[in-house]
Amino acid sequence: MTLRHIKASHMLNTAVDGFSVLVEHESNALENLLASLRERLVVARKARKLSELLRDQIDLLPDTQARLRRDHTIRRQLLLGFSHDVRGSIGI
């Protein structure tokens, strides 16, 4: 195996590893989204009046916003790390 093939193999492994971490994060983010939707439905079913439904759903907004911000921050960090790792593996 030549040095060129070793570098290409290393770059490919780095890309696949980084991509798998991104996919895992997105999968977890989707699972969290579904759990949040289930929670919203449970809360909505308990509401007796429209005003109660709206109040309860509004009460859930801060948690939703925090989750979305956290997922976005993690996604950005993963993408930056992925970019850094790929560049490092190709010598940029």
PDB file of N, CA and C in Angstrom:
ATOM      1  N   MET A   1       0.856  -1.169   0.000  1.00  0.00           N
ATOM      2  CA  MET A   1       0.000   0.000   0.000  1.00  0.00           C
ATOM      3  C   MET A   1       0.909   1.241   0.000  1.00  0.00           C
ATOM      4  N   THR A   2       0.629   2.149  -0.894  1.00  0.00           N
ATOM      5  CA  THR A   2       1.457   3.345  -1.009  1.00  0.00           C
ATOM      6  C   THR A   2       1.012   4.391   0.000  1.00  0.00           C
ATOM      7  N   LEU A   3       1.862   5.385   0.196  1.00  0.00           N
ATOM      8  CA  LEU A   3       1.549   6.480   1.105  1.00  0.00           C
ATOM      9  C   LEU A   3       0.284   7.206   0.650  1.00  0.00           C
ATOM     10  N   ARG A   4       0.124   7.320  -0.626  1.00  0.00           N
ATOM     11  CA  ARG A   4      -1.070   7.967  -1.191  1.00  0.00           C
ATOM     12  C   ARG A   4      -2.338   7.211  -0.797  1.00  0.00           C
ATOM     13  N   HIS A   5      -2.286   5.883  -0.882  1.00  0.00           N
ATOM     14  CA  HIS A   5      -3.442   5.067  -0.509  1.00  0.00           C
ATOM     15  C   HIS A   5      -3.718   5.149   0.983  1.00  0.00           C
ATOM     16  N   ILE A   6      -2.662   5.212   1.790  1.00  0.00           N
ATOM     17  CA  ILE A   6      -2.826   5.324   3.240  1.00  0.00           C
ATOM     18  C   ILE A   6      -3.494   6.644   3.591  1.00  0.00           C
ATOM     19  N   LYS A   7      -3.050   7.725   2.954  1.00  0.00           N
ATOM     20  CA  LYS A   7      -3.656   9.035   3.212  1.00  0.00           C
ATOM     21  C   LYS A   7      -5.121   9.066   2.780  1.00  0.00           C
ATOM     22  N   ALA A   8      -5.393   8.471   1.618  1.00  0.00           N
ATOM     23  CA  ALA A   8      -6.774   8.429   1.130  1.00  0.00           C
ATOM     24  C   ALA A   8      -7.650   7.600   2.068  1.00  0.00           C
ATOM     25  N   SER A   9      -7.104   6.502   2.544  1.00  0.00           N
ATOM     26  CA  SER A   9      -7.847   5.656   3.469  1.00  0.00           C
ATOM     27  C   SER A   9      -8.106   6.393   4.782  1.00  0.00           C
ATOM     28  N   HIS A  10      -7.108   7.094   5.274  1.00  0.00           N
ATOM     29  CA  HIS A  10      -7.265   7.871   6.510  1.00  0.00           C
ATOM     30  C   HIS A  10      -8.316   8.966   6.332  1.00  0.00           C
ATOM     31  N   MET A  11      -8.275   9.649   5.190  1.00  0.00           N
ATOM     32  CA  MET A  11      -9.250  10.708   4.920  1.00  0.00           C
ATOM     33  C   MET A  11     -10.664  10.127   4.851  1.00  0.00           C
ATOM     34  N   LEU A  12     -10.797   8.995   4.199  1.00  0.00           N
ATOM     35  CA  LEU A  12     -12.109   8.356   4.085  1.00  0.00           C
ATOM     36  C   LEU A  12     -12.618   7.913   5.456  1.00  0.00           C
ATOM     37  N   ASN A  13     -11.755   7.333   6.263  1.00  0.00           N
ATOM     38  CA  ASN A  13     -12.156   6.916   7.611  1.00  0.00           C
ATOM     39  C   ASN A  13     -12.574   8.119   8.452  1.00  0.00           C
ATOM     40  N   THR A  14     -11.827   9.211   8.345  1.00  0.00           N
ATOM     41  CA  THR A  14     -12.166  10.435   9.081  1.00  0.00           C
ATOM     42  C   THR A  14     -13.531  10.955   8.651  1.00  0.00           C
ATOM     43  N   ALA A  15     -13.775  10.974   7.342  1.00  0.00           N
ATOM     44  CA  ALA A  15     -15.058  11.465   6.829  1.00  0.00           C
ATOM     45  C   ALA A  15     -16.211  10.566   7.279  1.00  0.00           C
ATOM     46  N   VAL A  16     -16.026   9.276   7.208  1.00  0.00           N
ATOM     47  CA  VAL A  16     -17.085   8.337   7.602  1.00  0.00           C
ATOM     48  C   VAL A  16     -17.363   8.449   9.099  1.00  0.00           C
ATOM     49  N   ASP A  17     -16.307   8.540   9.904  1.00  0.00           N
ATOM     50  CA  ASP A  17     -16.488   8.679  11.350  1.00  0.00           C
ATOM     51  C   ASP A  17     -17.241   9.957  11.688  1.00  0.00           C
ATOM     52  N   GLY A  18     -16.835  11.064  11.085  1.00  0.00           N
ATOM     53  CA  GLY A  18     -17.504  12.345  11.332  1.00  0.00           C
ATOM     54  C   GLY A  18     -18.951  12.324  10.890  1.00  0.00           C
ATOM     55  N   PHE A  19     -19.186  11.730   9.734  1.00  0.00           N
ATOM     56  CA  PHE A  19     -20.555  11.649   9.219  1.00  0.00           C
ATOM     57  C   PHE A  19     -21.421  10.792  10.129  1.00  0.00           C
ATOM     58  N   SER A  20     -20.877   9.706  10.644  1.00  0.00           N
ATOM     59  CA  SER A  20     -21.669   8.836  11.526  1.00  0.00           C
ATOM     60  C   SER A  20     -22.030   9.552  12.828  1.00  0.00           C
ATOM     61  N   VAL A  21     -21.135  10.391  13.332  1.00  0.00           N
ATOM     62  CA  VAL A  21     -21.445  11.171  14.532  1.00  0.00           C
ATOM     63  C   VAL A  21     -22.566  12.168  14.233  1.00  0.00           C
ATOM     64  N   LEU A  22     -22.510  12.803  13.069  1.00  0.00           N
ATOM     65  CA  LEU A  22     -23.577  13.735  12.681  1.00  0.00           C
ATOM     66  C   LEU A  22     -24.916  13.017  12.543  1.00  0.00           C
ATOM     67  N   VAL A  23     -24.904  11.853  11.931  1.00  0.00           N
ATOM     68  CA  VAL A  23     -26.139  11.079  11.754  1.00  0.00           C
ATOM     69  C   VAL A  23     -26.704  10.672  13.108  1.00  0.00           C
ATOM     70  N   GLU A  24     -25.833  10.262  14.017  1.00  0.00           N
ATOM     71  CA  GLU A  24     -26.289   9.874  15.355  1.00  0.00           C
ATOM     72  C   GLU A  24     -26.920  11.063  16.078  1.00  0.00           C
ATOM     73  N   HIS A  25     -26.297  12.233  15.954  1.00  0.00           N
ATOM     74  CA  HIS A  25     -26.866  13.428  16.590  1.00  0.00           C
ATOM     75  C   HIS A  25     -28.244  13.737  16.012  1.00  0.00           C
ATOM     76  N   GLU A  26     -28.366  13.707  14.700  1.00  0.00           N
ATOM     77  CA  GLU A  26     -29.650  14.010  14.070  1.00  0.00           C
ATOM     78  C   GLU A  26     -30.712  12.997  14.468  1.00  0.00           C
ATOM     79  N   SER A  27     -30.316  11.742  14.579  1.00  0.00           N
ATOM     80  CA  SER A  27     -31.248  10.713  15.022  1.00  0.00           C
ATOM     81  C   SER A  27     -31.737  11.006  16.444  1.00  0.00           C
ATOM     82  N   ASN A  28     -30.814  11.363  17.316  1.00  0.00           N
ATOM     83  CA  ASN A  28     -31.193  11.714  18.691  1.00  0.00           C
ATOM     84  C   ASN A  28     -32.073  12.965  18.721  1.00  0.00           C
ATOM     85  N   ALA A  29     -31.760  13.929  17.875  1.00  0.00           N
ATOM     86  CA  ALA A  29     -32.560  15.156  17.819  1.00  0.00           C
ATOM     87  C   ALA A  29     -33.990  14.836  17.377  1.00  0.00           C
ATOM     88  N   LEU A  30     -34.133  13.935  16.406  1.00  0.00           N
ATOM     89  CA  LEU A  30     -35.471  13.547  15.955  1.00  0.00           C
ATOM     90  C   LEU A  30     -36.225  12.784  17.044  1.00  0.00           C
ATOM     91  N   GLU A  31     -35.524  11.920  17.769  1.00  0.00           N
ATOM     92  CA  GLU A  31     -36.165  11.207  18.878  1.00  0.00           C
ATOM     93  C   GLU A  31     -36.642  12.186  19.942  1.00  0.00           C
ATOM     94  N   ASN A  32     -35.820  13.196  20.241  1.00  0.00           N
ATOM     95  CA  ASN A  32     -36.208  14.218  21.214  1.00  0.00           C
ATOM     96  C   ASN A  32     -37.407  15.024  20.717  1.00  0.00           C
ATOM     97  N   LEU A  33     -37.435  15.307  19.422  1.00  0.00           N
ATOM     98  CA  LEU A  33     -38.558  16.031  18.839  1.00  0.00           C
ATOM     99  C   LEU A  33     -39.842  15.222  18.987  1.00  0.00           C
ATOM    100  N   LEU A  34     -39.772  13.942  18.690  1.00  0.00           N
ATOM    101  CA  LEU A  34     -40.961  13.091  18.819  1.00  0.00           C
ATOM    102  C   LEU A  34     -41.430  13.009  20.267  1.00  0.00           C
ATOM    103  N   ALA A  35     -40.491  12.919  21.194  1.00  0.00           N
ATOM    104  CA  ALA A  35     -40.860  12.886  22.620  1.00  0.00           C
ATOM    105  C   ALA A  35     -41.533  14.196  23.013  1.00  0.00           C
ATOM    106  N   SER A  36     -41.034  15.294  22.500  1.00  0.00           N
ATOM    107  CA  SER A  36     -41.625  16.601  22.785  1.00  0.00           C
ATOM    108  C   SER A  36     -43.039  16.701  22.202  1.00  0.00           C
ATOM    109  N   LEU A  37     -43.217  16.190  21.003  1.00  0.00           N
ATOM    110  CA  LEU A  37     -44.547  16.201  20.391  1.00  0.00           C
ATOM    111  C   LEU A  37     -45.527  15.341  21.187  1.00  0.00           C
ATOM    112  N   ARG A  38     -45.054  14.193  21.652  1.00  0.00           N
ATOM    113  CA  ARG A  38     -45.924  13.339  22.481  1.00  0.00           C
ATOM    114  C   ARG A  38     -46.320  14.062  23.761  1.00  0.00           C
ATOM    115  N   GLU A  39     -45.358  14.760  24.361  1.00  0.00           N
ATOM    116  CA  GLU A  39     -45.656  15.523  25.577  1.00  0.00           C
ATOM    117  C   GLU A  39     -46.697  16.602  25.291  1.00  0.00           C
ATOM    118  N   ARG A  40     -46.554  17.283  24.166  1.00  0.00           N
ATOM    119  CA  ARG A  40     -47.520  18.325  23.800  1.00  0.00           C
ATOM    120  C   ARG A  40     -48.920  17.734  23.601  1.00  0.00           C
ATOM    121  N   LEU A  41     -48.984  16.566  22.994  1.00  0.00           N
ATOM    122  CA  LEU A  41     -50.287  15.930  22.786  1.00  0.00           C
ATOM    123  C   LEU A  41     -50.926  15.522  24.102  1.00  0.00           C
ATOM    124  N   VAL A  42     -50.130  14.991  25.019  1.00  0.00           N
ATOM    125  CA  VAL A  42     -50.654  14.604  26.337  1.00  0.00           C
ATOM    126  C   VAL A  42     -51.205  15.841  27.047  1.00  0.00           C
ATOM    127  N   VAL A  43     -50.438  16.918  27.019  1.00  0.00           N
ATOM    128  CA  VAL A  43     -50.872  18.159  27.668  1.00  0.00           C
ATOM    129  C   VAL A  43     -52.129  18.696  26.979  1.00  0.00           C
ATOM    130  N   ALA A  44     -52.170  18.628  25.656  1.00  0.00           N
ATOM    131  CA  ALA A  44     -53.329  19.143  24.911  1.00  0.00           C
ATOM    132  C   ALA A  44     -54.591  18.328  25.231  1.00  0.00           C
ATOM    133  N   ARG A  45     -54.453  17.035  25.391  1.00  0.00           N
ATOM    134  CA  ARG A  45     -55.622  16.198  25.687  1.00  0.00           C
ATOM    135  C   ARG A  45     -56.212  16.500  27.061  1.00  0.00           C
ATOM    136  N   LYS A  46     -55.375  16.981  27.978  1.00  0.00           N
ATOM    137  CA  LYS A  46     -55.840  17.283  29.326  1.00  0.00           C
ATOM    138  C   LYS A  46     -56.563  18.624  29.416  1.00  0.00           C
ATOM    139  N   ALA A  47     -56.394  19.465  28.411  1.00  0.00           N
ATOM    140  CA  ALA A  47     -57.009  20.797  28.447  1.00  0.00           C
ATOM    141  C   ALA A  47     -58.529  20.677  28.335  1.00  0.00           C
ATOM    142  N   ARG A  48     -59.211  21.469  29.140  1.00  0.00           N
ATOM    143  CA  ARG A  48     -60.686  21.451  29.122  1.00  0.00           C
ATOM    144  C   ARG A  48     -61.253  22.583  28.298  1.00  0.00           C
ATOM    145  N   LYS A  49     -60.475  23.651  28.171  1.00  0.00           N
ATOM    146  CA  LYS A  49     -60.933  24.813  27.403  1.00  0.00           C
ATOM    147  C   LYS A  49     -59.821  25.247  26.458  1.00  0.00           C
ATOM    148  N   LEU A  50     -60.200  26.018  25.462  1.00  0.00           N
ATOM    149  CA  LEU A  50     -59.219  26.531  24.503  1.00  0.00           C
ATOM    150  C   LEU A  50     -58.169  27.393  25.206  1.00  0.00           C
ATOM    151  N   SER A  51     -58.597  28.210  26.149  1.00  0.00           N
ATOM    152  CA  SER A  51     -57.652  29.069  26.855  1.00  0.00           C
ATOM    153  C   SER A  51     -56.630  28.234  27.643  1.00  0.00           C
ATOM    154  N   GLU A  52     -57.082  27.137  28.214  1.00  0.00           N
ATOM    155  CA  GLU A  52     -56.179  26.242  28.942  1.00  0.00           C
ATOM    156  C   GLU A  52     -55.192  25.568  27.979  1.00  0.00           C
ATOM    157  N   LEU A  53     -55.711  25.160  26.824  1.00  0.00           N
ATOM    158  CA  LEU A  53     -54.855  24.545  25.807  1.00  0.00           C
ATOM    159  C   LEU A  53     -53.760  25.510  25.371  1.00  0.00           C
ATOM    160  N   LEU A  54     -54.136  26.737  25.065  1.00  0.00           N
ATOM    161  CA  LEU A  54     -53.157  27.740  24.626  1.00  0.00           C
ATOM    162  C   LEU A  54     -52.129  28.038  25.720  1.00  0.00           C
ATOM    163  N   ARG A  55     -52.610  28.204  26.951  1.00  0.00           N
ATOM    164  CA  ARG A  55     -51.695  28.499  28.052  1.00  0.00           C
ATOM    165  C   ARG A  55     -50.693  27.365  28.252  1.00  0.00           C
ATOM    166  N   ASP A  56     -51.197  26.147  28.227  1.00  0.00           N
ATOM    167  CA  ASP A  56     -50.318  24.993  28.428  1.00  0.00           C
ATOM    168  C   ASP A  56     -49.281  24.868  27.311  1.00  0.00           C
ATOM    169  N   GLN A  57     -49.722  25.105  26.083  1.00  0.00           N
ATOM    170  CA  GLN A  57     -48.786  25.006  24.957  1.00  0.00           C
ATOM    171  C   GLN A  57     -47.752  26.132  25.004  1.00  0.00           C
ATOM    172  N   ILE A  58     -48.181  27.311  25.397  1.00  0.00           N
ATOM    173  CA  ILE A  58     -47.245  28.433  25.537  1.00  0.00           C
ATOM    174  C   ILE A  58     -46.242  28.145  26.648  1.00  0.00           C
ATOM    175  N   ASP A  59     -46.697  27.492  27.708  1.00  0.00           N
ATOM    176  CA  ASP A  59     -45.800  27.127  28.808  1.00  0.00           C
ATOM    177  C   ASP A  59     -44.691  26.175  28.352  1.00  0.00           C
ATOM    178  N   LEU A  60     -44.958  25.403  27.311  1.00  0.00           N
ATOM    179  CA  LEU A  60     -43.960  24.453  26.816  1.00  0.00           C
ATOM    180  C   LEU A  60     -42.938  25.098  25.866  1.00  0.00           C
ATOM    181  N   LEU A  61     -43.219  26.317  25.400  1.00  0.00           N
ATOM    182  CA  LEU A  61     -42.333  26.960  24.429  1.00  0.00           C
ATOM    183  C   LEU A  61     -40.895  27.142  24.913  1.00  0.00           C
ATOM    184  N   PRO A  62     -40.654  27.593  26.150  1.00  0.00           N
ATOM    185  CA  PRO A  62     -39.252  27.756  26.571  1.00  0.00           C
ATOM    186  C   PRO A  62     -38.442  26.457  26.489  1.00  0.00           C
ATOM    187  N   ASP A  63     -39.056  25.341  26.859  1.00  0.00           N
ATOM    188  CA  ASP A  63     -38.351  24.062  26.751  1.00  0.00           C
ATOM    189  C   ASP A  63     -38.047  23.722  25.294  1.00  0.00           C
ATOM    190  N   THR A  64     -39.004  23.992  24.428  1.00  0.00           N
ATOM    191  CA  THR A  64     -38.811  23.719  23.005  1.00  0.00           C
ATOM    192  C   THR A  64     -37.694  24.592  22.445  1.00  0.00           C
ATOM    193  N   GLN A  65     -37.719  25.868  22.769  1.00  0.00           N
ATOM    194  CA  GLN A  65     -36.676  26.780  22.289  1.00  0.00           C
ATOM    195  C   GLN A  65     -35.304  26.371  22.804  1.00  0.00           C
ATOM    196  N   ALA A  66     -35.226  25.982  24.065  1.00  0.00           N
ATOM    197  CA  ALA A  66     -33.949  25.554  24.640  1.00  0.00           C
ATOM    198  C   ALA A  66     -33.432  24.301  23.938  1.00  0.00           C
ATOM    199  N   ARG A  67     -34.336  23.353  23.661  1.00  0.00           N
ATOM    200  CA  ARG A  67     -33.942  22.127  22.978  1.00  0.00           C
ATOM    201  C   ARG A  67     -33.437  22.421  21.575  1.00  0.00           C
ATOM    202  N   LEU A  68     -34.148  23.295  20.852  1.00  0.00           N
ATOM    203  CA  LEU A  68     -33.727  23.645  19.498  1.00  0.00           C
ATOM    204  C   LEU A  68     -32.380  24.360  19.498  1.00  0.00           C
ATOM    205  N   ARG A  69     -32.184  25.283  20.455  1.00  0.00           N
ATOM    206  CA  ARG A  69     -30.890  25.979  20.556  1.00  0.00           C
ATOM    207  C   ARG A  69     -29.766  25.000  20.880  1.00  0.00           C
ATOM    208  N   ARG A  70     -30.028  24.085  21.815  1.00  0.00           N
ATOM    209  CA  ARG A  70     -29.019  23.097  22.197  1.00  0.00           C
ATOM    210  C   ARG A  70     -28.669  22.204  21.010  1.00  0.00           C
ATOM    211  N   ASP A  71     -29.681  21.730  20.294  1.00  0.00           N
ATOM    212  CA  ASP A  71     -29.427  20.884  19.125  1.00  0.00           C
ATOM    213  C   ASP A  71     -28.636  21.644  18.065  1.00  0.00           C
ATOM    214  N   HIS A  72     -28.987  22.903  17.852  1.00  0.00           N
ATOM    215  CA  HIS A  72     -28.285  23.711  16.853  1.00  0.00           C
ATOM    216  C   HIS A  72     -26.827  23.932  17.256  1.00  0.00           C
ATOM    217  N   THR A  73     -26.592  24.216  18.535  1.00  0.00           N
ATOM    218  CA  THR A  73     -25.233  24.431  19.024  1.00  0.00           C
ATOM    219  C   THR A  73     -24.400  23.163  18.859  1.00  0.00           C
ATOM    220  N   ILE A  74     -24.964  22.042  19.229  1.00  0.00           N
ATOM    221  CA  ILE A  74     -24.249  20.765  19.082  1.00  0.00           C
ATOM    222  C   ILE A  74     -23.977  20.485  17.614  1.00  0.00           C
ATOM    223  N   ARG A  75     -24.969  20.727  16.767  1.00  0.00           N
ATOM    224  CA  ARG A  75     -24.816  20.499  15.327  1.00  0.00           C
ATOM    225  C   ARG A  75     -23.675  21.351  14.773  1.00  0.00           C
ATOM    226  N   ARG A  76     -23.636  22.634  15.160  1.00  0.00           N
ATOM    227  CA  ARG A  76     -22.560  23.517  14.694  1.00  0.00           C
ATOM    228  C   ARG A  76     -21.200  23.023  15.160  1.00  0.00           C
ATOM    229  N   GLN A  77     -21.106  22.613  16.432  1.00  0.00           N
ATOM    230  CA  GLN A  77     -19.836  22.111  16.961  1.00  0.00           C
ATOM    231  C   GLN A  77     -19.395  20.848  16.227  1.00  0.00           C
ATOM    232  N   LEU A  78     -20.350  19.964  15.961  1.00  0.00           N
ATOM    233  CA  LEU A  78     -20.013  18.738  15.236  1.00  0.00           C
ATOM    234  C   LEU A  78     -19.545  19.042  13.818  1.00  0.00           C
ATOM    235  N   LEU A  79     -20.229  19.959  13.145  1.00  0.00           N
ATOM    236  CA  LEU A  79     -19.838  20.317  11.778  1.00  0.00           C
ATOM    237  C   LEU A  79     -18.465  20.989  11.750  1.00  0.00           C
ATOM    238  N   LEU A  80     -18.208  21.868  12.707  1.00  0.00           N
ATOM    239  CA  LEU A  80     -16.893  22.506  12.768  1.00  0.00           C
ATOM    240  C   LEU A  80     -15.802  21.472  13.047  1.00  0.00           C
ATOM    241  N   GLY A  81     -16.060  20.569  13.977  1.00  0.00           N
ATOM    242  CA  GLY A  81     -15.099  19.509  14.268  1.00  0.00           C
ATOM    243  C   GLY A  81     -14.882  18.594  13.073  1.00  0.00           C
ATOM    244  N   PHE A  82     -15.970  18.267  12.399  1.00  0.00           N
ATOM    245  CA  PHE A  82     -15.899  17.423  11.207  1.00  0.00           C
ATOM    246  C   PHE A  82     -15.050  18.100  10.140  1.00  0.00           C
ATOM    247  N   SER A  83     -15.309  19.377   9.906  1.00  0.00           N
ATOM    248  CA  SER A  83     -14.550  20.145   8.917  1.00  0.00           C
ATOM    249  C   SER A  83     -13.065  20.193   9.289  1.00  0.00           C
ATOM    250  N   HIS A  84     -12.800  20.450  10.553  1.00  0.00           N
ATOM    251  CA  HIS A  84     -11.415  20.509  11.029  1.00  0.00           C
ATOM    252  C   HIS A  84     -10.717  19.156  10.839  1.00  0.00           C
ATOM    253  N   ASP A  85     -11.396  18.077  11.205  1.00  0.00           N
ATOM    254  CA  ASP A  85     -10.809  16.740  11.075  1.00  0.00           C
ATOM    255  C   ASP A  85     -10.538  16.376   9.620  1.00  0.00           C
ATOM    256  N   VAL A  86     -11.478  16.689   8.744  1.00  0.00           N
ATOM    257  CA  VAL A  86     -11.288  16.356   7.313  1.00  0.00           C
ATOM    258  C   VAL A  86     -10.144  17.177   6.744  1.00  0.00           C
ATOM    259  N   ARG A  87     -10.111  18.453   7.072  1.00  0.00           N
ATOM    260  CA  ARG A  87      -9.007  19.295   6.583  1.00  0.00           C
ATOM    261  C   ARG A  87      -7.670  18.795   7.103  1.00  0.00           C
ATOM    262  N   GLY A  88      -7.649  18.406   8.380  1.00  0.00           N
ATOM    263  CA  GLY A  88      -6.414  17.870   8.958  1.00  0.00           C
ATOM    264  C   GLY A  88      -5.974  16.585   8.283  1.00  0.00           C
ATOM    265  N   SER A  89      -6.943  15.758   7.891  1.00  0.00           N
ATOM    266  CA  SER A  89      -6.593  14.478   7.274  1.00  0.00           C
ATOM    267  C   SER A  89      -6.081  14.640   5.849  1.00  0.00           C
ATOM    268  N   ILE A  90      -6.423  15.773   5.209  1.00  0.00           N
ATOM    269  CA  ILE A  90      -5.915  15.997   3.845  1.00  0.00           C
ATOM    270  C   ILE A  90      -4.773  16.997   3.819  1.00  0.00           C
ATOM    271  N   GLY A  91      -4.418  17.493   5.018  1.00  0.00           N
ATOM    272  CA  GLY A  91      -3.252  18.346   5.117  1.00  0.00           C
ATOM    273  C   GLY A  91      -3.479  19.805   4.774  1.00  0.00           C
ATOM    274  N   ILE A  92      -4.707  20.283   4.943  1.00  0.00           N
ATOM    275  CA  ILE A  92      -4.982  21.706   4.658  1.00  0.00           C
ATOM    276  C   ILE A  92      -4.779  22.506   5.908  1.00  0.00           C
TER     277      ILE A  92
END
